[in-house]
Every structure is written in structure tokens, then in C-alpha cells.
């Protein structure tokens, strides 16, 4: 990694964001086709909505709690949602290079995290 141009802080945690995005897309499809899925499975559409909602909420909670700064533990998703505009939080989260709380980047070694990529 180039120390003059550090990568975004959330780079190593990006798979969690993509996992949630995939689950959200599947949930959106499920909500769009609730009646069809219910008819095919032979269950009430309300059961389908509940079956889709629960895993989606669990996945969102997991991402909310697990995408953190490895140095100070700041929840980056919660920080982004609460401190950025509605349409800006995701782009801010993907572009941030230093933690807003401790100021450390992914490349810096801390007392509890040594996770430099490429070494």
C-alpha cells in the first residue's frame, strides 16, 4: 500500500457491506413478488413478508455492529448514518481514509490491531 495515498478505512470491511447489499436486493425482490412467492409455496403473503423481514433486519444489525474501526471500535456505519446526509452516508463510508474518532487509518499499527495489507 502506498502510505501517501491510503486506501479507504472500510476497504477490508467491504465484504460485509456487499453481503448486506445482496441481502437487501433479495429482500426487495421478495417484497415485490410476495403474492407470487406465497402462491407458489402455498402460504399466506404475510408469512412471506415476515420470513423476508427477519433475516434482513438481522443482517442490517450485524453490519451495523460489525463494520468498525479496528483501532478504537467506532461503529462506522452508525456514525455515517447519524452524521451524514441521507444520500451521502454510503459514499462517505466507502471513501473515508481515517477514523473520525481516533484519526488512524487502516495502514497504521495500533496496540490491538496489526492489519497492514500487503505485508
PDB file of N, CA and C in Angstrom:
ATOM      1  N   UNK A   1       0.834  -1.193   0.000  1.00  0.00           N
ATOM      2  CA  UNK A   1       0.000   0.000   0.000  1.00  0.00           C
ATOM      3  C   UNK A   1       0.873   1.248   0.000  1.00  0.00           C
ATOM      4  N   UNK A   2       0.466   2.219  -0.693  1.00  0.00           N
ATOM      5  CA  UNK A   2       1.153   3.486  -0.755  1.00  0.00           C
ATOM      6  C   UNK A   2       0.749   4.318   0.459  1.00  0.00           C
ATOM      7  N   UNK A   3       1.725   4.695   1.289  1.00  0.00           N
ATOM      8  CA  UNK A   3       1.410   5.446   2.506  1.00  0.00           C
ATOM      9  C   UNK A   3       0.954   6.869   2.197  1.00  0.00           C
ATOM     10  N   UNK A   4       1.331   7.408   1.029  1.00  0.00           N
ATOM     11  CA  UNK A   4       0.904   8.761   0.668  1.00  0.00           C
ATOM     12  C   UNK A   4      -0.544   8.799   0.226  1.00  0.00           C
ATOM     13  N   UNK A   5      -1.077   7.692  -0.233  1.00  0.00           N
ATOM     14  CA  UNK A   5      -2.451   7.622  -0.688  1.00  0.00           C
ATOM     15  C   UNK A   5      -3.117   6.411  -0.036  1.00  0.00           C
ATOM     16  N   UNK A   6      -3.453   6.509   1.239  1.00  0.00           N
ATOM     17  CA  UNK A   6      -4.015   5.344   1.921  1.00  0.00           C
ATOM     18  C   UNK A   6      -5.370   4.961   1.357  1.00  0.00           C
ATOM     19  N   UNK A   7      -5.663   3.679   1.446  1.00  0.00           N
ATOM     20  CA  UNK A   7      -6.953   3.196   0.957  1.00  0.00           C
ATOM     21  C   UNK A   7      -8.042   3.577   1.951  1.00  0.00           C
ATOM     22  N   UNK A   8      -9.277   3.568   1.506  1.00  0.00           N
ATOM     23  CA  UNK A   8     -10.372   3.877   2.426  1.00  0.00           C
ATOM     24  C   UNK A   8     -10.382   2.943   3.632  1.00  0.00           C
ATOM     25  N   UNK A   9     -10.798   3.452   4.761  1.00  0.00           N
ATOM     26  CA  UNK A   9     -10.804   2.701   6.010  1.00  0.00           C
ATOM     27  C   UNK A   9     -11.675   1.459   5.922  1.00  0.00           C
ATOM     28  N   UNK A  10     -12.762   1.531   5.187  1.00  0.00           N
ATOM     29  CA  UNK A  10     -13.704   0.411   5.113  1.00  0.00           C
ATOM     30  C   UNK A  10     -13.339  -0.615   4.049  1.00  0.00           C
ATOM     31  N   UNK A  11     -12.160  -0.500   3.425  1.00  0.00           N
ATOM     32  CA  UNK A  11     -11.796  -1.413   2.349  1.00  0.00           C
ATOM     33  C   UNK A  11     -11.804  -2.863   2.799  1.00  0.00           C
ATOM     34  N   UNK A  12     -11.166  -3.161   3.904  1.00  0.00           N
ATOM     35  CA  UNK A  12     -11.105  -4.550   4.354  1.00  0.00           C
ATOM     36  C   UNK A  12     -12.440  -5.024   4.906  1.00  0.00           C
ATOM     37  N   UNK A  13     -13.348  -4.112   5.171  1.00  0.00           N
ATOM     38  CA  UNK A  13     -14.668  -4.475   5.685  1.00  0.00           C
ATOM     39  C   UNK A  13     -15.732  -4.419   4.599  1.00  0.00           C
ATOM     40  N   UNK A  14     -15.312  -4.166   3.373  1.00  0.00           N
ATOM     41  CA  UNK A  14     -16.248  -4.012   2.272  1.00  0.00           C
ATOM     42  C   UNK A  14     -17.101  -5.237   2.000  1.00  0.00           C
ATOM     43  N   UNK A  15     -16.573  -6.435   2.271  1.00  0.00           N
ATOM     44  CA  UNK A  15     -17.358  -7.646   2.018  1.00  0.00           C
ATOM     45  C   UNK A  15     -18.620  -7.661   2.867  1.00  0.00           C
ATOM     46  N   UNK A  16     -18.566  -7.082   4.045  1.00  0.00           N
ATOM     47  CA  UNK A  16     -19.761  -7.027   4.889  1.00  0.00           C
ATOM     48  C   UNK A  16     -20.810  -6.108   4.276  1.00  0.00           C
ATOM     49  N   UNK A  17     -20.360  -4.997   3.707  1.00  0.00           N
ATOM     50  CA  UNK A  17     -21.286  -4.085   3.053  1.00  0.00           C
ATOM     51  C   UNK A  17     -21.903  -4.731   1.821  1.00  0.00           C
ATOM     52  N   UNK A  18     -21.109  -5.469   1.036  1.00  0.00           N
ATOM     53  CA  UNK A  18     -21.638  -6.151  -0.146  1.00  0.00           C
ATOM     54  C   UNK A  18     -22.597  -7.261   0.247  1.00  0.00           C
ATOM     55  N   UNK A  19     -22.300  -7.966   1.341  1.00  0.00           N
ATOM     56  CA  UNK A  19     -23.204  -9.016   1.819  1.00  0.00           C
ATOM     57  C   UNK A  19     -24.563  -8.415   2.172  1.00  0.00           C
ATOM     58  N   UNK A  20     -24.562  -7.309   2.897  1.00  0.00           N
ATOM     59  CA  UNK A  20     -25.825  -6.664   3.239  1.00  0.00           C
ATOM     60  C   UNK A  20     -26.540  -6.154   1.997  1.00  0.00           C
ATOM     61  N   UNK A  21     -25.808  -5.595   1.054  1.00  0.00           N
ATOM     62  CA  UNK A  21     -26.433  -5.103  -0.176  1.00  0.00           C
ATOM     63  C   UNK A  21     -27.092  -6.244  -0.936  1.00  0.00           C
ATOM     64  N   UNK A  22     -26.453  -7.396  -0.973  1.00  0.00           N
ATOM     65  CA  UNK A  22     -27.047  -8.557  -1.631  1.00  0.00           C
ATOM     66  C   UNK A  22     -28.300  -9.033  -0.932  1.00  0.00           C
ATOM     67  N   UNK A  23     -28.249  -9.088   0.390  1.00  0.00           N
ATOM     68  CA  UNK A  23     -29.435  -9.487   1.146  1.00  0.00           C
ATOM     69  C   UNK A  23     -30.567  -8.474   0.985  1.00  0.00           C
ATOM     70  N   UNK A  24     -30.226  -7.211   0.929  1.00  0.00           N
ATOM     71  CA  UNK A  24     -31.252  -6.180   0.724  1.00  0.00           C
ATOM     72  C   UNK A  24     -31.882  -6.312  -0.657  1.00  0.00           C
ATOM     73  N   UNK A  25     -31.079  -6.659  -1.663  1.00  0.00           N
ATOM     74  CA  UNK A  25     -31.622  -6.841  -3.019  1.00  0.00           C
ATOM     75  C   UNK A  25     -32.558  -8.051  -3.067  1.00  0.00           C
ATOM     76  N   UNK A  26     -32.162  -9.143  -2.424  1.00  0.00           N
ATOM     77  CA  UNK A  26     -33.027 -10.328  -2.365  1.00  0.00           C
ATOM     78  C   UNK A  26     -34.317 -10.003  -1.625  1.00  0.00           C
ATOM     79  N   UNK A  27     -34.211  -9.260  -0.534  1.00  0.00           N
ATOM     80  CA  UNK A  27     -35.402  -8.871   0.228  1.00  0.00           C
ATOM     81  C   UNK A  27     -36.319  -7.989  -0.616  1.00  0.00           C
ATOM     82  N   UNK A  28     -35.736  -7.068  -1.376  1.00  0.00           N
ATOM     83  CA  UNK A  28     -36.553  -6.199  -2.227  1.00  0.00           C
ATOM     84  C   UNK A  28     -37.316  -7.019  -3.265  1.00  0.00           C
ATOM     85  N   UNK A  29     -36.641  -7.995  -3.862  1.00  0.00           N
ATOM     86  CA  UNK A  29     -37.322  -8.874  -4.817  1.00  0.00           C
ATOM     87  C   UNK A  29     -38.430  -9.665  -4.132  1.00  0.00           C
ATOM     88  N   UNK A  30     -38.151 -10.123  -2.912  1.00  0.00           N
ATOM     89  CA  UNK A  30     -39.161 -10.857  -2.161  1.00  0.00           C
ATOM     90  C   UNK A  30     -40.379 -10.012  -1.853  1.00  0.00           C
ATOM     91  N   UNK A  31     -40.165  -8.753  -1.516  1.00  0.00           N
ATOM     92  CA  UNK A  31     -41.291  -7.868  -1.237  1.00  0.00           C
ATOM     93  C   UNK A  31     -42.071  -7.522  -2.506  1.00  0.00           C
ATOM     94  N   UNK A  32     -41.376  -7.430  -3.628  1.00  0.00           N
ATOM     95  CA  UNK A  32     -42.062  -7.142  -4.884  1.00  0.00           C
ATOM     96  C   UNK A  32     -42.940  -8.310  -5.343  1.00  0.00           C
ATOM     97  N   UNK A  33     -42.488  -9.508  -5.071  1.00  0.00           N
ATOM     98  CA  UNK A  33     -43.194 -10.694  -5.545  1.00  0.00           C
ATOM     99  C   UNK A  33     -43.770 -11.520  -4.400  1.00  0.00           C
ATOM    100  N   UNK A  34     -44.245 -10.860  -3.361  1.00  0.00           N
ATOM    101  CA  UNK A  34     -44.790 -11.533  -2.185  1.00  0.00           C
ATOM    102  C   UNK A  34     -45.961 -12.445  -2.536  1.00  0.00           C
ATOM    103  N   UNK A  35     -46.874 -11.949  -3.345  1.00  0.00           N
ATOM    104  CA  UNK A  35     -48.052 -12.749  -3.701  1.00  0.00           C
ATOM    105  C   UNK A  35     -47.672 -13.979  -4.517  1.00  0.00           C
ATOM    106  N   UNK A  36     -46.762 -13.800  -5.452  1.00  0.00           N
ATOM    107  CA  UNK A  36     -46.335 -14.921  -6.293  1.00  0.00           C
ATOM    108  C   UNK A  36     -45.622 -15.976  -5.449  1.00  0.00           C
ATOM    109  N   UNK A  37     -44.709 -15.541  -4.598  1.00  0.00           N
ATOM    110  CA  UNK A  37     -43.973 -16.481  -3.745  1.00  0.00           C
ATOM    111  C   UNK A  37     -44.938 -17.198  -2.806  1.00  0.00           C
ATOM    112  N   UNK A  38     -45.868 -16.456  -2.232  1.00  0.00           N
ATOM    113  CA  UNK A  38     -46.857 -17.066  -1.351  1.00  0.00           C
ATOM    114  C   UNK A  38     -47.708 -18.093  -2.068  1.00  0.00           C
ATOM    115  N   UNK A  39     -48.093 -17.793  -3.293  1.00  0.00           N
ATOM    116  CA  UNK A  39     -48.909 -18.730  -4.071  1.00  0.00           C
ATOM    117  C   UNK A  39     -48.121 -19.997  -4.416  1.00  0.00           C
ATOM    118  N   UNK A  40     -46.868 -19.832  -4.829  1.00  0.00           N
ATOM    119  CA  UNK A  40     -46.020 -20.975  -5.187  1.00  0.00           C
ATOM    120  C   UNK A  40     -45.769 -21.863  -3.968  1.00  0.00           C
ATOM    121  N   UNK A  41     -45.513 -21.246  -2.826  1.00  0.00           N
ATOM    122  CA  UNK A  41     -45.229 -22.017  -1.609  1.00  0.00           C
ATOM    123  C   UNK A  41     -46.491 -22.459  -0.889  1.00  0.00           C
ATOM    124  N   UNK A  42     -47.619 -21.896  -1.253  1.00  0.00           N
ATOM    125  CA  UNK A  42     -48.879 -22.252  -0.614  1.00  0.00           C
ATOM    126  C   UNK A  42     -49.034 -21.686   0.784  1.00  0.00           C
ATOM    127  N   UNK A  43     -48.462 -20.499   0.998  1.00  0.00           N
ATOM    128  CA  UNK A  43     -48.565 -19.847   2.301  1.00  0.00           C
ATOM    129  C   UNK A  43     -49.145 -18.446   2.111  1.00  0.00           C
ATOM    130  N   UNK A  44     -49.589 -17.871   3.199  1.00  0.00           N
ATOM    131  CA  UNK A  44     -50.129 -16.522   3.180  1.00  0.00           C
ATOM    132  C   UNK A  44     -49.008 -15.522   2.849  1.00  0.00           C
ATOM    133  N   UNK A  45     -49.285 -14.491   2.050  1.00  0.00           N
ATOM    134  CA  UNK A  45     -48.257 -13.490   1.733  1.00  0.00           C
ATOM    135  C   UNK A  45     -47.669 -12.794   2.968  1.00  0.00           C
ATOM    136  N   UNK A  46     -48.438 -12.688   4.026  1.00  0.00           N
ATOM    137  CA  UNK A  46     -47.908 -12.090   5.258  1.00  0.00           C
ATOM    138  C   UNK A  46     -46.766 -12.934   5.821  1.00  0.00           C
ATOM    139  N   UNK A  47     -46.882 -14.244   5.726  1.00  0.00           N
ATOM    140  CA  UNK A  47     -45.818 -15.139   6.191  1.00  0.00           C
ATOM    141  C   UNK A  47     -44.555 -14.920   5.361  1.00  0.00           C
ATOM    142  N   UNK A  48     -44.732 -14.711   4.066  1.00  0.00           N
ATOM    143  CA  UNK A  48     -43.581 -14.451   3.194  1.00  0.00           C
ATOM    144  C   UNK A  48     -42.918 -13.141   3.594  1.00  0.00           C
ATOM    145  N   UNK A  49     -43.696 -12.102   3.839  1.00  0.00           N
ATOM    146  CA  UNK A  49     -43.133 -10.810   4.251  1.00  0.00           C
ATOM    147  C   UNK A  49     -42.367 -10.932   5.561  1.00  0.00           C
ATOM    148  N   UNK A  50     -42.923 -11.658   6.510  1.00  0.00           N
ATOM    149  CA  UNK A  50     -42.228 -11.848   7.785  1.00  0.00           C
ATOM    150  C   UNK A  50     -40.957 -12.670   7.599  1.00  0.00           C
ATOM    151  N   UNK A  51     -41.036 -13.685   6.751  1.00  0.00           N
ATOM    152  CA  UNK A  51     -39.862 -14.529   6.511  1.00  0.00           C
ATOM    153  C   UNK A  51     -38.740 -13.747   5.831  1.00  0.00           C
ATOM    154  N   UNK A  52     -39.070 -12.761   5.050  1.00  0.00           N
ATOM    155  CA  UNK A  52     -38.061 -11.928   4.393  1.00  0.00           C
ATOM    156  C   UNK A  52     -37.566 -10.835   5.337  1.00  0.00           C
ATOM    157  N   UNK A  53     -38.436 -10.280   6.143  1.00  0.00           N
ATOM    158  CA  UNK A  53     -38.080  -9.161   7.020  1.00  0.00           C
ATOM    159  C   UNK A  53     -37.093  -9.550   8.110  1.00  0.00           C
ATOM    160  N   UNK A  54     -37.295 -10.679   8.731  1.00  0.00           N
ATOM    161  CA  UNK A  54     -36.453 -11.066   9.864  1.00  0.00           C
ATOM    162  C   UNK A  54     -34.979 -11.222   9.478  1.00  0.00           C
ATOM    163  N   UNK A  55     -34.636 -12.004   8.440  1.00  0.00           N
ATOM    164  CA  UNK A  55     -33.214 -12.093   8.088  1.00  0.00           C
ATOM    165  C   UNK A  55     -32.615 -10.764   7.629  1.00  0.00           C
ATOM    166  N   UNK A  56     -33.429  -9.936   6.987  1.00  0.00           N
ATOM    167  CA  UNK A  56     -32.939  -8.631   6.539  1.00  0.00           C
ATOM    168  C   UNK A  56     -32.594  -7.744   7.729  1.00  0.00           C
ATOM    169  N   UNK A  57     -33.463  -7.732   8.730  1.00  0.00           N
ATOM    170  CA  UNK A  57     -33.180  -6.943   9.940  1.00  0.00           C
ATOM    171  C   UNK A  57     -31.970  -7.475  10.684  1.00  0.00           C
ATOM    172  N   UNK A  58     -31.826  -8.790  10.739  1.00  0.00           N
ATOM    173  CA  UNK A  58     -30.664  -9.392  11.399  1.00  0.00           C
ATOM    174  C   UNK A  58     -29.386  -9.024  10.649  1.00  0.00           C
ATOM    175  N   UNK A  59     -29.416  -9.088   9.319  1.00  0.00           N
ATOM    176  CA  UNK A  59     -28.233  -8.739   8.518  1.00  0.00           C
ATOM    177  C   UNK A  59     -27.878  -7.264   8.696  1.00  0.00           C
ATOM    178  N   UNK A  60     -28.896  -6.388   8.696  1.00  0.00           N
ATOM    179  CA  UNK A  60     -28.614  -4.968   8.892  1.00  0.00           C
ATOM    180  C   UNK A  60     -27.999  -4.726  10.270  1.00  0.00           C
ATOM    181  N   UNK A  61     -28.534  -5.384  11.287  1.00  0.00           N
ATOM    182  CA  UNK A  61     -27.960  -5.252  12.626  1.00  0.00           C
ATOM    183  C   UNK A  61     -26.538  -5.760  12.700  1.00  0.00           C
ATOM    184  N   UNK A  62     -26.260  -6.869  12.012  1.00  0.00           N
ATOM    185  CA  UNK A  62     -24.904  -7.418  12.012  1.00  0.00           C
ATOM    186  C   UNK A  62     -23.926  -6.468  11.341  1.00  0.00           C
ATOM    187  N   UNK A  63     -24.315  -5.875  10.221  1.00  0.00           N
ATOM    188  CA  UNK A  63     -23.443  -4.921   9.541  1.00  0.00           C
ATOM    189  C   UNK A  63     -23.266  -3.674  10.397  1.00  0.00           C
ATOM    190  N   UNK A  64     -24.337  -3.223  11.000  1.00  0.00           N
ATOM    191  CA  UNK A  64     -24.282  -2.036  11.850  1.00  0.00           C
ATOM    192  C   UNK A  64     -23.302  -2.229  13.006  1.00  0.00           C
ATOM    193  N   UNK A  65     -23.282  -3.430  13.567  1.00  0.00           N
ATOM    194  CA  UNK A  65     -22.410  -3.695  14.715  1.00  0.00           C
ATOM    195  C   UNK A  65     -21.009  -4.154  14.335  1.00  0.00           C
ATOM    196  N   UNK A  66     -20.822  -4.697  13.140  1.00  0.00           N
ATOM    197  CA  UNK A  66     -19.522  -5.295  12.829  1.00  0.00           C
ATOM    198  C   UNK A  66     -18.593  -4.424  11.985  1.00  0.00           C
ATOM    199  N   UNK A  67     -19.096  -3.429  11.280  1.00  0.00           N
ATOM    200  CA  UNK A  67     -18.213  -2.559  10.497  1.00  0.00           C
ATOM    201  C   UNK A  67     -17.721  -1.468  11.436  1.00  0.00           C
ATOM    202  N   UNK A  68     -16.522  -1.694  11.957  1.00  0.00           N
ATOM    203  CA  UNK A  68     -15.949  -0.836  13.000  1.00  0.00           C
ATOM    204  C   UNK A  68     -14.507  -0.489  12.691  1.00  0.00           C
ATOM    205  N   UNK A  69     -14.044   0.574  13.289  1.00  0.00           N
ATOM    206  CA  UNK A  69     -12.622   0.889  13.267  1.00  0.00           C
ATOM    207  C   UNK A  69     -11.932  -0.145  14.148  1.00  0.00           C
ATOM    208  N   UNK A  70     -10.906  -0.778  13.604  1.00  0.00           N
ATOM    209  CA  UNK A  70     -10.232  -1.818  14.375  1.00  0.00           C
ATOM    210  C   UNK A  70      -9.326  -1.251  15.470  1.00  0.00           C
ATOM    211  N   UNK A  71      -9.112   0.044  15.458  1.00  0.00           N
ATOM    212  CA  UNK A  71      -8.258   0.655  16.473  1.00  0.00           C
ATOM    213  C   UNK A  71      -9.055   1.108  17.695  1.00  0.00           C
ATOM    214  N   UNK A  72     -10.151   1.840  17.467  1.00  0.00           N
ATOM    215  CA  UNK A  72     -10.901   2.393  18.602  1.00  0.00           C
ATOM    216  C   UNK A  72     -12.282   1.772  18.772  1.00  0.00           C
ATOM    217  N   UNK A  73     -12.751   1.025  17.781  1.00  0.00           N
ATOM    218  CA  UNK A  73     -14.040   0.356  17.891  1.00  0.00           C
ATOM    219  C   UNK A  73     -15.250   1.186  17.507  1.00  0.00           C
ATOM    220  N   UNK A  74     -15.046   2.347  16.900  1.00  0.00           N
ATOM    221  CA  UNK A  74     -16.164   3.185  16.486  1.00  0.00           C
ATOM    222  C   UNK A  74     -16.980   2.465  15.414  1.00  0.00           C
ATOM    223  N   UNK A  75     -18.276   2.388  15.606  1.00  0.00           N
ATOM    224  CA  UNK A  75     -19.167   1.803  14.611  1.00  0.00           C
ATOM    225  C   UNK A  75     -19.296   2.749  13.433  1.00  0.00           C
ATOM    226  N   UNK A  76     -18.639   2.417  12.325  1.00  0.00           N
ATOM    227  CA  UNK A  76     -18.562   3.339  11.197  1.00  0.00           C
ATOM    228  C   UNK A  76     -19.892   3.505  10.475  1.00  0.00           C
ATOM    229  N   UNK A  77     -20.692   2.445  10.385  1.00  0.00           N
ATOM    230  CA  UNK A  77     -21.989   2.566   9.707  1.00  0.00           C
ATOM    231  C   UNK A  77     -22.916   3.466  10.515  1.00  0.00           C
ATOM    232  N   UNK A  78     -22.979   3.230  11.820  1.00  0.00           N
ATOM    233  CA  UNK A  78     -23.827   4.056  12.679  1.00  0.00           C
ATOM    234  C   UNK A  78     -23.366   5.512  12.653  1.00  0.00           C
ATOM    235  N   UNK A  79     -22.058   5.732  12.664  1.00  0.00           N
ATOM    236  CA  UNK A  79     -21.526   7.088  12.599  1.00  0.00           C
ATOM    237  C   UNK A  79     -21.889   7.750  11.279  1.00  0.00           C
ATOM    238  N   UNK A  80     -21.726   6.996  10.178  1.00  0.00           N
ATOM    239  CA  UNK A  80     -22.034   7.555   8.855  1.00  0.00           C
ATOM    240  C   UNK A  80     -23.509   7.914   8.735  1.00  0.00           C
ATOM    241  N   UNK A  81     -24.386   7.035   9.197  1.00  0.00           N
ATOM    242  CA  UNK A  81     -25.822   7.289   9.096  1.00  0.00           C
ATOM    243  C   UNK A  81     -26.234   8.488   9.945  1.00  0.00           C
ATOM    244  N   UNK A  82     -25.627   8.624  11.121  1.00  0.00           N
ATOM    245  CA  UNK A  82     -26.047   9.700  12.019  1.00  0.00           C
ATOM    246  C   UNK A  82     -25.372  11.048  11.733  1.00  0.00           C
ATOM    247  N   UNK A  83     -24.251  11.057  11.025  1.00  0.00           N
ATOM    248  CA  UNK A  83     -23.532  12.312  10.806  1.00  0.00           C
ATOM    249  C   UNK A  83     -23.504  12.784   9.357  1.00  0.00           C
ATOM    250  N   UNK A  84     -24.029  12.005   8.431  1.00  0.00           N
ATOM    251  CA  UNK A  84     -24.015  12.387   7.024  1.00  0.00           C
ATOM    252  C   UNK A  84     -25.441  12.564   6.518  1.00  0.00           C
ATOM    253  N   UNK A  85     -25.575  13.260   5.405  1.00  0.00           N
ATOM    254  CA  UNK A  85     -26.888  13.454   4.794  1.00  0.00           C
ATOM    255  C   UNK A  85     -27.416  12.112   4.292  1.00  0.00           C
ATOM    256  N   UNK A  86     -28.712  12.051   4.085  1.00  0.00           N
ATOM    257  CA  UNK A  86     -29.361  10.807   3.704  1.00  0.00           C
ATOM    258  C   UNK A  86     -28.724  10.175   2.470  1.00  0.00           C
ATOM    259  N   UNK A  87     -28.449  10.939   1.459  1.00  0.00           N
ATOM    260  CA  UNK A  87     -27.882  10.394   0.238  1.00  0.00           C
ATOM    261  C   UNK A  87     -26.369  10.312   0.225  1.00  0.00           C
ATOM    262  N   UNK A  88     -25.714  10.731   1.288  1.00  0.00           N
ATOM    263  CA  UNK A  88     -24.258  10.816   1.305  1.00  0.00           C
ATOM    264  C   UNK A  88     -23.566   9.789   2.193  1.00  0.00           C
ATOM    265  N   UNK A  89     -24.289   9.110   3.075  1.00  0.00           N
ATOM    266  CA  UNK A  89     -23.619   8.288   4.077  1.00  0.00           C
ATOM    267  C   UNK A  89     -22.846   7.127   3.479  1.00  0.00           C
ATOM    268  N   UNK A  90     -23.375   6.488   2.448  1.00  0.00           N
ATOM    269  CA  UNK A  90     -22.683   5.337   1.871  1.00  0.00           C
ATOM    270  C   UNK A  90     -21.427   5.766   1.129  1.00  0.00           C
ATOM    271  N   UNK A  91     -21.506   6.819   0.340  1.00  0.00           N
ATOM    272  CA  UNK A  91     -20.307   7.284  -0.372  1.00  0.00           C
ATOM    273  C   UNK A  91     -19.258   7.772   0.629  1.00  0.00           C
ATOM    274  N   UNK A  92     -19.683   8.412   1.708  1.00  0.00           N
ATOM    275  CA  UNK A  92     -18.744   8.840   2.749  1.00  0.00           C
ATOM    276  C   UNK A  92     -18.078   7.627   3.380  1.00  0.00           C
ATOM    277  N   UNK A  93     -18.863   6.611   3.681  1.00  0.00           N
ATOM    278  CA  UNK A  93     -18.341   5.410   4.328  1.00  0.00           C
ATOM    279  C   UNK A  93     -17.327   4.693   3.441  1.00  0.00           C
ATOM    280  N   UNK A  94     -17.592   4.634   2.158  1.00  0.00           N
ATOM    281  CA  UNK A  94     -16.684   3.949   1.245  1.00  0.00           C
ATOM    282  C   UNK A  94     -15.430   4.758   0.931  1.00  0.00           C
ATOM    283  N   UNK A  95     -15.460   6.071   1.156  1.00  0.00           N
ATOM    284  CA  UNK A  95     -14.320   6.922   0.822  1.00  0.00           C
ATOM    285  C   UNK A  95     -13.475   7.335   2.025  1.00  0.00           C
ATOM    286  N   UNK A  96     -13.961   7.163   3.232  1.00  0.00           N
ATOM    287  CA  UNK A  96     -13.236   7.637   4.413  1.00  0.00           C
ATOM    288  C   UNK A  96     -11.872   6.952   4.523  1.00  0.00           C
ATOM    289  N   UNK A  97     -10.843   7.732   4.800  1.00  0.00           N
ATOM    290  CA  UNK A  97      -9.494   7.202   4.895  1.00  0.00           C
ATOM    291  C   UNK A  97      -9.007   7.093   6.337  1.00  0.00           C
ATOM    292  N   UNK A  98      -9.519   7.932   7.213  1.00  0.00           N
ATOM    293  CA  UNK A  98      -9.123   7.914   8.625  1.00  0.00           C
ATOM    294  C   UNK A  98     -10.370   7.867   9.493  1.00  0.00           C
ATOM    295  N   UNK A  99     -10.264   7.207  10.601  1.00  0.00           N
ATOM    296  CA  UNK A  99     -11.375   7.121  11.539  1.00  0.00           C
ATOM    297  C   UNK A  99     -11.690   8.521  12.067  1.00  0.00           C
ATOM    298  N   UNK A 100     -12.948   8.912  12.093  1.00  0.00           N
ATOM    299  CA  UNK A 100     -13.280  10.251  12.593  1.00  0.00           C
ATOM    300  C   UNK A 100     -13.068  10.401  14.099  1.00  0.00           C
ATOM    301  N   UNK A 101     -12.973   9.304  14.820  1.00  0.00           N
ATOM    302  CA  UNK A 101     -12.797   9.387  16.271  1.00  0.00           C
ATOM    303  C   UNK A 101     -11.327   9.357  16.675  1.00  0.00           C
ATOM    304  N   UNK A 102     -10.572   8.366  16.191  1.00  0.00           N
ATOM    305  CA  UNK A 102      -9.180   8.240  16.624  1.00  0.00           C
ATOM    306  C   UNK A 102      -8.185   8.783  15.602  1.00  0.00           C
ATOM    307  N   UNK A 103      -8.628   9.002  14.359  1.00  0.00           N
ATOM    308  CA  UNK A 103      -7.770   9.558  13.334  1.00  0.00           C
ATOM    309  C   UNK A 103      -6.832   8.566  12.674  1.00  0.00           C
ATOM    310  N   UNK A 104      -6.886   7.294  13.054  1.00  0.00           N
ATOM    311  CA  UNK A 104      -5.986   6.296  12.476  1.00  0.00           C
ATOM    312  C   UNK A 104      -6.552   5.767  11.171  1.00  0.00           C
ATOM    313  N   UNK A 105      -5.632   5.316  10.321  1.00  0.00           N
ATOM    314  CA  UNK A 105      -6.047   4.724   9.058  1.00  0.00           C
ATOM    315  C   UNK A 105      -5.820   3.224   9.123  1.00  0.00           C
ATOM    316  N   UNK A 106      -6.211   2.552   8.071  1.00  0.00           N
ATOM    317  CA  UNK A 106      -6.071   1.105   8.009  1.00  0.00           C
ATOM    318  C   UNK A 106      -4.610   0.683   8.059  1.00  0.00           C
ATOM    319  N   UNK A 107      -3.710   1.506   7.533  1.00  0.00           N
ATOM    320  CA  UNK A 107      -2.305   1.129   7.451  1.00  0.00           C
ATOM    321  C   UNK A 107      -1.548   1.318   8.759  1.00  0.00           C
ATOM    322  N   UNK A 108      -2.076   2.103   9.682  1.00  0.00           N
ATOM    323  CA  UNK A 108      -1.362   2.373  10.920  1.00  0.00           C
ATOM    324  C   UNK A 108      -1.499   1.199  11.873  1.00  0.00           C
ATOM    325  N   UNK A 109      -0.406   0.901  12.548  1.00  0.00           N
ATOM    326  CA  UNK A 109      -0.444  -0.161  13.540  1.00  0.00           C
ATOM    327  C   UNK A 109      -0.903   0.418  14.864  1.00  0.00           C
ATOM    328  N   UNK A 110      -1.799  -0.299  15.499  1.00  0.00           N
ATOM    329  CA  UNK A 110      -2.274   0.120  16.810  1.00  0.00           C
ATOM    330  C   UNK A 110      -1.866  -0.900  17.851  1.00  0.00           C
ATOM    331  N   UNK A 111      -2.214  -0.674  19.087  1.00  0.00           N
ATOM    332  CA  UNK A 111      -1.893  -1.611  20.151  1.00  0.00           C
ATOM    333  C   UNK A 111      -2.632  -2.928  19.982  1.00  0.00           C
ATOM    334  N   UNK A 112      -3.865  -2.879  19.494  1.00  0.00           N
ATOM    335  CA  UNK A 112      -4.681  -4.073  19.409  1.00  0.00           C
ATOM    336  C   UNK A 112      -4.912  -4.555  17.988  1.00  0.00           C
ATOM    337  N   UNK A 113      -4.378  -3.880  16.994  1.00  0.00           N
ATOM    338  CA  UNK A 113      -4.626  -4.307  15.622  1.00  0.00           C
ATOM    339  C   UNK A 113      -3.380  -4.081  14.768  1.00  0.00           C
ATOM    340  N   UNK A 114      -2.894  -5.140  14.183  1.00  0.00           N
ATOM    341  CA  UNK A 114      -1.797  -5.041  13.229  1.00  0.00           C
ATOM    342  C   UNK A 114      -2.284  -5.695  11.960  1.00  0.00           C
ATOM    343  N   UNK A 115      -2.847  -4.916  11.091  1.00  0.00           N
ATOM    344  CA  UNK A 115      -3.509  -5.471   9.926  1.00  0.00           C
ATOM    345  C   UNK A 115      -3.166  -4.751   8.655  1.00  0.00           C
ATOM    346  N   UNK A 116      -1.904  -4.477   8.474  1.00  0.00           N
ATOM    347  CA  UNK A 116      -1.475  -3.831   7.237  1.00  0.00           C
ATOM    348  C   UNK A 116      -1.586  -4.822   6.103  1.00  0.00           C
ATOM    349  N   UNK A 117      -2.165  -4.391   5.032  1.00  0.00           N
ATOM    350  CA  UNK A 117      -2.319  -5.264   3.876  1.00  0.00           C
ATOM    351  C   UNK A 117      -1.051  -5.219   3.046  1.00  0.00           C
ATOM    352  N   UNK A 118      -0.708  -6.357   2.438  1.00  0.00           N
ATOM    353  CA  UNK A 118       0.434  -6.432   1.550  1.00  0.00           C
ATOM    354  C   UNK A 118       1.738  -6.686   2.274  1.00  0.00           C
ATOM    355  N   UNK A 119       1.726  -6.920   3.560  1.00  0.00           N
ATOM    356  CA  UNK A 119       2.974  -7.213   4.278  1.00  0.00           C
ATOM    357  C   UNK A 119       2.893  -8.608   4.859  1.00  0.00           C
TER     358      UNK A 119
END
